[in-house]
Amino acid sequence: SMAAAEPAARKRRPKGHFAAAGRAKRPRGGGRQLEAGMRGILITCNMNERKCVGEAYSLLGEYGDLLYGPEQFSDHEDRLSGSDREEDEDDVEAALKKEVGQIRASTEQKLRRFQSVESGANNVVFIRTQGIEPENLVHHILKDMHTTKKKKTRVILRMLPISGTCKAFMEDMKKYTETFFEPWFKAPNKGTFQIVYKARNNSHMSREEVIKELAGIVGSLNPENKVDLNNPQYTVVVEIIKTVCCLSVVRDYVLFRKYNLQEVVKSNKEDTQQKPSSLTEEQNSKVVKPETEEEKSSKEVKQENK
């Protein structure tokens, strides 16, 4: 039957041929796929990735403008929309100029605040960020949704900030996290912590080994950092996709239902007893933000009162 199937496959060739051509247009690499060195936001969804990207752009755009002011686009894009409309459509030179302009604008888009890139895994969308702090932004969104209980998305499930990425090999990860963890965990900074680990399309890493090694690094930065699996101050998020390791250190992971946008808007009894941690303005302006001593001591008092 293999031989019988041959001619049919040959006849259908053109269709497949176009599909391949369509795929080839999207540059592989060129900053369009997740790679070490990026920061951004990792978003999980159920099936509908395209809708998820749309929801992500709209949600991040709304809160991005709120926290960082409206996005500044490069002059070129403004010029493009303004002057090109007056050009005579029949003018071949103008048309050519416009095309060149559009190509240039699309390369300049790399500098946009939010840019979706290929994540390398199904049901995962990665939005690369430029010039903003993913941890602050995502914490702000979840805090708002947790407070208002307003459901803002339909297909987005979890939204995890990714403030550092490195290659997903033990040596790279150890070297990278020694510095990456410092703002939260290096003495005099300290906190209770847990490590959550997820790997996709990757079989060479061992979950136990990664958690053990990273916990060791946190411990070596300050022996007072203690593991707390029930309600840690900090959750170290480790998300591995293929050969990229995505990292962040987040607060209120338990309170915000593992950063799940669907769950955080549901009403829960515990919510009334617990308040999200807050950032002062001055901390907001830093790229990474250890807690102030006051916040720490007030939190410790709260823990004791419990």
Protein backbone atom coordinates (compact mmCIF):
# COMPACT_ATOMS: atom_id res chain seq x y z
CA SER A 1 0.00 0.00 0.00
CA MET A 2 3.00 2.28 0.40
CA ALA A 3 3.47 2.29 -3.36
CA ALA A 4 -0.21 3.10 -3.92
CA ALA A 5 0.04 6.07 -1.59
CA GLU A 6 3.00 7.49 -3.49
CA PRO A 7 1.27 9.19 -6.45
CA ALA A 8 -1.35 10.78 -4.17
CA ALA A 9 1.37 12.26 -2.02
CA ARG A 10 3.07 13.60 -5.11
CA LYS A 11 -0.12 15.25 -6.33
CA ARG A 12 -0.57 17.06 -3.04
CA ARG A 13 2.98 18.37 -3.11
CA PRO A 14 2.14 22.00 -3.98
CA LYS A 15 0.00 22.44 -0.87
CA GLY A 16 2.78 21.23 1.39
CA HIS A 17 5.21 23.31 -0.60
CA PHE A 18 3.33 26.50 0.21
CA ALA A 19 3.03 25.61 3.86
CA ALA A 20 6.78 25.16 4.03
CA ALA A 21 7.33 28.48 2.25
CA GLY A 22 5.04 30.20 4.74
CA ARG A 23 6.99 28.77 7.65
CA ALA A 24 10.32 29.73 6.16
CA LYS A 25 9.29 33.39 6.08
CA ARG A 26 9.36 33.65 9.84
CA PRO A 27 13.03 34.16 10.62
CA ARG A 28 14.46 31.34 12.71
CA GLY A 29 16.50 33.06 15.34
CA GLY A 30 16.83 36.75 14.66
CA GLY A 31 15.36 37.39 18.08
CA ARG A 32 12.09 35.69 17.19
CA GLN A 33 12.53 32.67 19.41
CA LEU A 34 13.22 32.20 23.09
CA GLU A 35 16.93 32.15 23.79
CA ALA A 36 19.37 32.72 26.63
CA GLY A 37 19.78 36.40 27.47
CA MET A 38 16.12 37.37 27.08
CA ARG A 39 13.76 38.68 29.74
CA GLY A 40 10.04 38.46 29.46
CA ILE A 41 6.84 36.78 30.52
CA LEU A 42 6.04 33.12 30.13
CA ILE A 43 2.34 32.47 29.68
CA THR A 44 0.54 29.14 29.65
CA CYS A 45 -2.77 28.61 27.90
CA ASN A 46 -5.03 25.83 26.78
CA MET A 47 -4.83 25.19 23.04
CA ASN A 48 -5.54 28.63 21.66
CA GLU A 49 -2.08 30.19 21.44
CA ARG A 50 -3.06 32.89 18.96
CA LYS A 51 -5.85 34.17 21.20
CA CYS A 52 -3.47 33.92 24.15
CA VAL A 53 -0.97 36.22 22.42
CA GLY A 54 -3.79 38.69 21.74
CA GLU A 55 -4.93 38.66 25.36
CA ALA A 56 -1.34 39.02 26.54
CA TYR A 57 -0.66 42.06 24.35
CA SER A 58 -3.83 43.75 25.53
CA LEU A 59 -3.35 42.99 29.24
CA LEU A 60 0.37 43.85 29.26
CA GLY A 61 -0.26 46.94 27.15
CA GLU A 62 -2.87 48.20 29.59
CA TYR A 63 -0.73 47.72 32.70
CA GLY A 64 2.51 48.65 30.94
CA ASP A 65 1.08 52.07 30.05
CA LEU A 66 -0.21 52.41 33.60
CA LEU A 67 3.12 51.65 35.27
CA TYR A 68 5.63 52.95 32.75
CA GLY A 69 3.70 55.50 30.71
CA PRO A 70 2.67 55.13 27.05
CA GLU A 71 5.20 53.35 24.88
CA GLN A 72 7.52 55.54 22.80
CA PHE A 73 7.86 54.30 19.24
CA SER A 74 10.80 55.22 17.05
CA ASP A 75 10.46 58.29 14.78
CA HIS A 76 10.49 56.07 11.77
CA GLU A 77 7.17 54.43 12.55
CA ASP A 78 5.50 57.79 13.09
CA ARG A 79 6.89 59.09 9.80
CA LEU A 80 5.72 55.97 8.05
CA SER A 81 2.08 56.38 8.99
CA GLY A 82 2.07 60.16 8.59
CA SER A 83 3.80 60.98 5.33
CA ASP A 84 3.11 57.87 3.27
CA ARG A 85 -0.60 58.50 3.10
CA GLU A 86 -0.12 61.64 1.03
CA GLU A 87 2.09 59.94 -1.55
CA ASP A 88 0.58 59.20 -4.92
CA GLU A 89 -0.33 55.51 -4.89
CA ASP A 90 0.71 55.10 -8.54
CA ASP A 91 4.17 56.38 -7.88
CA VAL A 92 6.35 53.28 -8.14
CA GLU A 93 9.22 54.90 -6.32
CA ALA A 94 6.97 55.82 -3.42
CA ALA A 95 5.65 52.28 -3.26
CA LEU A 96 9.18 50.95 -3.18
CA LYS A 97 10.18 53.44 -0.52
CA LYS A 98 7.17 52.40 1.54
CA GLU A 99 8.12 48.75 1.28
CA VAL A 100 11.67 49.45 2.40
CA GLY A 101 10.24 51.53 5.24
CA GLN A 102 7.98 48.69 6.32
CA ILE A 103 10.84 46.22 6.33
CA ARG A 104 12.86 48.63 8.43
CA ALA A 105 9.94 49.22 10.77
CA SER A 106 9.53 45.50 11.29
CA THR A 107 13.18 45.16 12.29
CA GLU A 108 12.77 48.14 14.60
CA GLN A 109 9.86 46.34 16.19
CA LYS A 110 12.45 44.33 18.07
CA LEU A 111 12.76 47.31 20.35
CA ARG A 112 9.08 47.22 21.27
CA ARG A 113 8.17 46.88 24.93
CA PHE A 114 6.34 43.58 24.35
CA GLN A 115 7.14 41.15 21.55
CA SER A 116 5.86 37.62 21.18
CA VAL A 117 8.58 35.09 20.28
CA GLU A 118 8.47 31.35 19.60
CA SER A 119 8.59 29.64 23.00
CA GLY A 120 9.59 26.19 21.78
CA ALA A 121 6.69 24.42 23.55
CA ASN A 122 2.98 23.88 22.93
CA ASN A 123 0.52 25.88 24.99
CA VAL A 124 3.28 28.23 26.08
CA VAL A 125 3.55 31.79 24.83
CA PHE A 126 6.65 33.86 25.53
CA ILE A 127 6.43 37.65 25.41
CA ARG A 128 9.86 39.21 25.36
CA THR A 129 10.05 42.48 27.29
CA GLN A 130 12.28 45.47 26.69
CA GLY A 131 13.10 48.16 29.23
CA ILE A 132 10.69 47.00 31.94
CA GLU A 133 10.83 44.70 34.96
CA PRO A 134 8.75 41.58 34.37
CA GLU A 135 8.52 40.73 38.09
CA ASN A 136 7.10 44.12 39.08
CA LEU A 137 4.68 44.24 36.19
CA VAL A 138 3.27 40.74 36.67
CA HIS A 139 3.03 41.15 40.45
CA HIS A 140 1.11 44.37 39.89
CA ILE A 141 -1.34 42.68 37.48
CA LEU A 142 -1.98 39.76 39.84
CA LYS A 143 -2.33 42.01 42.86
CA ASP A 144 -4.93 44.06 41.00
CA MET A 145 -6.88 41.02 39.86
CA HIS A 146 -6.61 39.48 43.33
CA THR A 147 -8.05 42.64 44.87
CA THR A 148 -10.79 43.45 42.35
CA LYS A 149 -11.69 39.81 41.50
CA LYS A 150 -12.32 41.04 37.94
CA LYS A 151 -11.69 38.37 35.36
CA LYS A 152 -9.69 39.95 32.55
CA THR A 153 -8.69 37.02 30.38
CA ARG A 154 -10.25 33.86 29.01
CA VAL A 155 -7.49 31.71 27.63
CA ILE A 156 -4.46 32.79 29.67
CA LEU A 157 -3.88 30.42 32.58
CA ARG A 158 -0.59 31.32 34.30
CA MET A 159 1.57 34.35 33.78
CA LEU A 160 5.13 33.98 35.06
CA PRO A 161 7.69 36.78 34.93
CA ILE A 162 11.08 35.69 33.59
CA SER A 163 13.80 38.11 34.60
CA GLY A 164 16.74 35.96 33.64
CA THR A 165 17.53 33.22 31.12
CA CYS A 166 20.56 31.03 30.63
CA LYS A 167 21.41 27.74 28.96
CA ALA A 168 19.71 24.73 30.52
CA PHE A 169 22.83 22.85 31.61
CA MET A 170 23.77 22.40 35.23
CA GLU A 171 27.11 24.22 34.97
CA ASP A 172 25.55 27.25 33.22
CA MET A 173 22.70 27.36 35.72
CA LYS A 174 24.98 27.21 38.75
CA LYS A 175 27.22 29.95 37.42
CA TYR A 176 24.28 32.13 36.40
CA THR A 177 22.23 31.83 39.60
CA GLU A 178 25.20 32.60 41.89
CA THR A 179 24.85 36.20 40.72
CA PHE A 180 21.19 36.20 39.73
CA PHE A 181 19.98 35.26 43.26
CA GLU A 182 22.05 37.91 45.05
CA PRO A 183 19.45 40.75 45.29
CA TRP A 184 17.09 38.55 47.30
CA PHE A 185 19.30 36.08 49.09
CA LYS A 186 22.81 37.47 49.52
CA ALA A 187 23.54 38.60 53.10
CA PRO A 188 22.32 40.93 54.54
CA ASN A 189 19.28 40.07 52.37
CA LYS A 190 17.50 36.89 53.31
CA GLY A 191 14.12 35.22 53.10
CA THR A 192 12.18 32.01 53.29
CA PHE A 193 11.98 30.33 49.91
CA GLN A 194 10.84 27.41 47.81
CA ILE A 195 11.91 26.30 44.34
CA VAL A 196 9.33 25.28 41.74
CA TYR A 197 10.55 23.43 38.68
CA LYS A 198 9.00 22.58 35.34
CA ALA A 199 10.70 21.25 32.20
CA ARG A 200 9.23 21.01 28.71
CA ASN A 201 10.76 19.33 25.66
CA ASN A 202 13.85 18.61 27.69
CA SER A 203 14.91 15.25 29.06
CA HIS A 204 18.52 15.84 30.07
CA MET A 205 17.93 17.76 33.31
CA SER A 206 17.04 16.09 36.59
CA ARG A 207 14.46 17.92 38.67
CA GLU A 208 15.92 16.67 41.97
CA GLU A 209 19.45 17.67 41.00
CA VAL A 210 18.43 21.17 39.87
CA ILE A 211 16.45 21.85 43.04
CA LYS A 212 19.23 20.51 45.25
CA GLU A 213 21.95 22.57 43.50
CA LEU A 214 19.95 25.82 43.41
CA ALA A 215 18.84 25.48 47.03
CA GLY A 216 22.52 24.97 47.87
CA ILE A 217 23.41 28.23 46.12
CA VAL A 218 20.67 30.14 47.96
CA GLY A 219 21.96 28.68 51.23
CA SER A 220 25.55 29.64 50.45
CA LEU A 221 24.55 33.29 49.82
CA ASN A 222 23.20 33.53 53.36
CA PRO A 223 22.81 30.58 55.75
CA GLU A 224 19.73 32.32 57.19
CA ASN A 225 17.77 31.66 53.99
CA LYS A 226 15.38 28.88 54.99
CA VAL A 227 13.17 26.60 52.93
CA ASP A 228 9.41 27.04 53.51
CA LEU A 229 7.06 25.05 51.31
CA ASN A 230 3.82 26.36 52.84
CA ASN A 231 4.11 30.09 52.59
CA PRO A 232 7.56 31.27 51.52
CA GLN A 233 8.40 34.95 51.05
CA TYR A 234 10.08 34.08 47.76
CA THR A 235 9.41 31.43 45.17
CA VAL A 236 12.23 30.65 42.78
CA VAL A 237 10.58 29.80 39.47
CA VAL A 238 12.60 27.52 37.18
CA GLU A 239 11.00 26.92 33.77
CA ILE A 240 13.03 24.95 31.27
CA ILE A 241 12.08 24.77 27.59
CA LYS A 242 14.39 22.76 25.33
CA THR A 243 17.85 24.17 26.10
CA VAL A 244 16.78 27.46 27.70
CA CYS A 245 16.38 27.88 31.45
CA CYS A 246 13.99 30.69 32.47
CA LEU A 247 14.25 32.08 35.99
CA SER A 248 12.62 34.50 38.35
CA VAL A 249 12.11 35.09 42.05
CA VAL A 250 8.51 36.00 42.84
CA ARG A 251 6.52 37.03 45.89
CA ASP A 252 2.97 36.00 46.90
CA TYR A 253 3.16 32.81 44.84
CA VAL A 254 0.81 30.94 47.17
CA LEU A 255 -1.56 33.87 47.71
CA PHE A 256 -1.80 34.49 43.96
CA ARG A 257 -2.57 30.82 43.27
CA LYS A 258 0.72 30.04 41.54
CA TYR A 259 0.27 33.15 39.39
CA ASN A 260 -2.82 31.70 37.78
CA LEU A 261 -5.07 34.43 36.35
CA GLN A 262 -8.14 32.19 36.36
CA GLU A 263 -7.75 31.13 40.00
CA VAL A 264 -6.68 34.45 41.49
CA VAL A 265 -10.06 36.09 40.74
CA LYS A 266 -12.01 33.41 42.61
CA SER A 267 -12.98 34.26 46.17
CA ASN A 268 -11.15 32.34 48.87
CA LYS A 269 -11.40 32.38 52.64
CA GLU A 270 -7.63 32.72 53.10
CA ASP A 271 -7.60 35.88 51.02
CA THR A 272 -9.12 37.92 53.81
CA GLN A 273 -6.36 36.93 56.24
CA GLN A 274 -3.45 37.64 53.93
CA LYS A 275 -2.35 40.81 52.21
CA PRO A 276 -0.09 40.85 49.16
CA SER A 277 3.39 42.20 49.83
CA SER A 278 3.79 45.76 48.63
CA LEU A 279 6.65 47.58 46.94
CA THR A 280 7.65 51.07 47.90
CA GLU A 281 8.11 53.59 45.07
CA GLU A 282 11.85 53.62 45.59
CA GLN A 283 11.99 49.83 45.29
CA ASN A 284 9.83 49.98 42.20
CA SER A 285 12.47 51.95 40.37
CA LYS A 286 15.16 49.33 40.96
CA VAL A 287 15.61 46.51 38.50
CA VAL A 288 15.47 43.98 41.31
CA LYS A 289 14.08 44.71 44.66
CA PRO A 290 15.05 43.17 47.98
CA GLU A 291 12.68 44.03 50.83
CA THR A 292 13.42 46.85 53.22
CA GLU A 293 14.22 45.91 56.81
CA GLU A 294 10.89 47.41 58.02
CA GLU A 295 8.89 45.25 55.65
CA LYS A 296 10.83 42.23 56.78
CA SER A 297 10.40 42.81 60.47
CA SER A 298 6.70 43.60 60.09
CA LYS A 299 6.30 40.37 58.13
CA GLU A 300 8.10 38.41 60.85
CA VAL A 301 5.83 39.94 63.49
CA LYS A 302 2.81 38.89 61.38
CA GLN A 303 4.17 35.36 61.13
CA GLU A 304 4.52 35.24 64.92
CA ASN A 305 1.00 36.61 65.43
CA LYS A 306 -0.36 33.74 63.36
